[in-house]
Amino acid sequence: MSKIERLNARVAKLLTVAVHEVLEVVRETVSEYQEKTARTQRENESLRRRLQELQDKVKRGNIAGAQPAAFSVSGAKSFLEQQHN
C-alpha cells in the first residue's frame, strides 16, 4: 500500500468517525426537542382542559341567573398561574 493510499484510508477513517460523532449529537438534540415538544403539548392540553372547565363554570353561572363574570386577560392569567403552581 502506497503512502497516498494509507493517507487516504486514514482520512476516510477519521471522516467516518467524525460523521458518526456528529450524527450522535444530532440524534441527542432531536431527542431533546421531541421531549420538549411532547411536554409542551401535554401542558397545552392541560391548559385547554382548564380553560374549558372555566368556560363551563362561567356558562353554568350565567344559566343559573348569575351576573356574567368579567375576566380580564391579566386576571385569567394570574388564575391559571395559581392553578398551575
Protein backbone atom coordinates (compact mmCIF):
# COMPACT_ATOMS: atom_id res chain seq x y z
CA MET A 1 0.00 0.00 0.00
CA SER A 2 1.46 3.35 -1.02
CA LYS A 3 1.74 6.37 1.23
CA ILE A 4 -1.14 8.06 -0.60
CA GLU A 5 -3.37 5.03 -0.16
CA ARG A 6 -2.55 4.81 3.56
CA LEU A 7 -3.18 8.52 3.97
CA ASN A 8 -6.43 8.17 2.04
CA ALA A 9 -7.53 5.27 4.26
CA ARG A 10 -6.62 7.18 7.43
CA VAL A 11 -8.50 10.31 6.31
CA ALA A 12 -11.53 8.21 5.33
CA LYS A 13 -11.49 6.54 8.76
CA LEU A 14 -11.22 9.88 10.57
CA LEU A 15 -14.05 11.32 8.49
CA THR A 16 -16.22 8.29 9.21
CA VAL A 17 -15.63 8.65 12.96
CA ALA A 18 -16.36 12.39 12.77
CA VAL A 19 -19.60 11.78 10.86
CA HIS A 20 -20.73 9.23 13.45
CA GLU A 21 -19.98 11.66 16.28
CA VAL A 22 -21.91 14.45 14.55
CA LEU A 23 -24.85 12.13 13.89
CA GLU A 24 -24.94 11.10 17.55
CA VAL A 25 -25.06 14.74 18.65
CA VAL A 26 -27.84 15.39 16.14
CA ARG A 27 -29.79 12.35 17.43
CA GLU A 28 -29.46 13.58 21.02
CA THR A 29 -30.57 17.08 20.06
CA VAL A 30 -33.57 15.77 18.13
CA SER A 31 -34.49 13.57 21.07
CA GLU A 32 -34.33 16.55 23.45
CA TYR A 33 -36.53 18.61 21.11
CA GLN A 34 -39.02 15.76 20.85
CA GLU A 35 -39.21 15.51 24.64
CA LYS A 36 -39.70 19.28 24.98
CA THR A 37 -42.36 19.23 22.28
CA ALA A 38 -44.20 16.38 23.99
CA ARG A 39 -44.07 18.23 27.33
CA THR A 40 -45.36 21.40 25.69
CA GLN A 41 -48.18 19.50 24.01
CA ARG A 42 -49.18 17.90 27.33
CA GLU A 43 -49.09 21.29 29.04
CA ASN A 44 -51.16 22.86 26.26
CA GLU A 45 -53.74 20.09 26.54
CA SER A 46 -53.91 20.56 30.29
CA LEU A 47 -54.40 24.30 29.84
CA ARG A 48 -57.11 23.66 27.22
CA ARG A 49 -58.95 21.42 29.69
CA ARG A 50 -58.65 24.03 32.44
CA LEU A 51 -59.89 26.73 30.11
CA GLN A 52 -62.83 24.55 29.09
CA GLU A 53 -63.65 23.92 32.75
CA LEU A 54 -63.57 27.65 33.47
CA GLN A 55 -65.74 28.37 30.45
CA ASP A 56 -68.20 25.70 31.58
CA LYS A 57 -68.30 27.20 35.09
CA VAL A 58 -68.95 30.65 33.66
CA LYS A 59 -71.73 29.29 31.43
CA ARG A 60 -73.33 27.42 34.34
CA GLY A 61 -73.16 30.58 36.42
CA ASN A 62 -74.85 32.57 33.66
CA ILE A 63 -77.53 29.93 33.12
CA ALA A 64 -78.30 29.90 36.85
CA GLY A 65 -79.12 33.60 36.65
CA ALA A 66 -75.85 34.92 37.98
CA GLN A 67 -74.31 38.01 36.52
CA PRO A 68 -71.77 37.32 33.78
CA ALA A 69 -68.28 37.19 35.15
CA ALA A 70 -65.89 39.74 33.73
CA PHE A 71 -62.44 38.26 33.29
CA SER A 72 -59.53 40.38 32.28
CA VAL A 73 -56.63 38.84 30.45
CA SER A 74 -54.33 39.52 33.39
CA GLY A 75 -56.89 38.13 35.84
CA ALA A 76 -57.28 34.94 33.84
CA LYS A 77 -53.52 34.66 33.51
CA SER A 78 -52.95 35.01 37.25
CA PHE A 79 -55.72 32.47 37.92
CA LEU A 80 -54.12 29.97 35.56
CA GLU A 81 -50.70 30.59 37.11
CA GLN A 82 -52.14 29.88 40.56
CA GLN A 83 -53.76 26.70 39.27
CA HIS A 84 -50.55 25.64 37.54
CA ASN A 85 -48.43 26.10 40.68
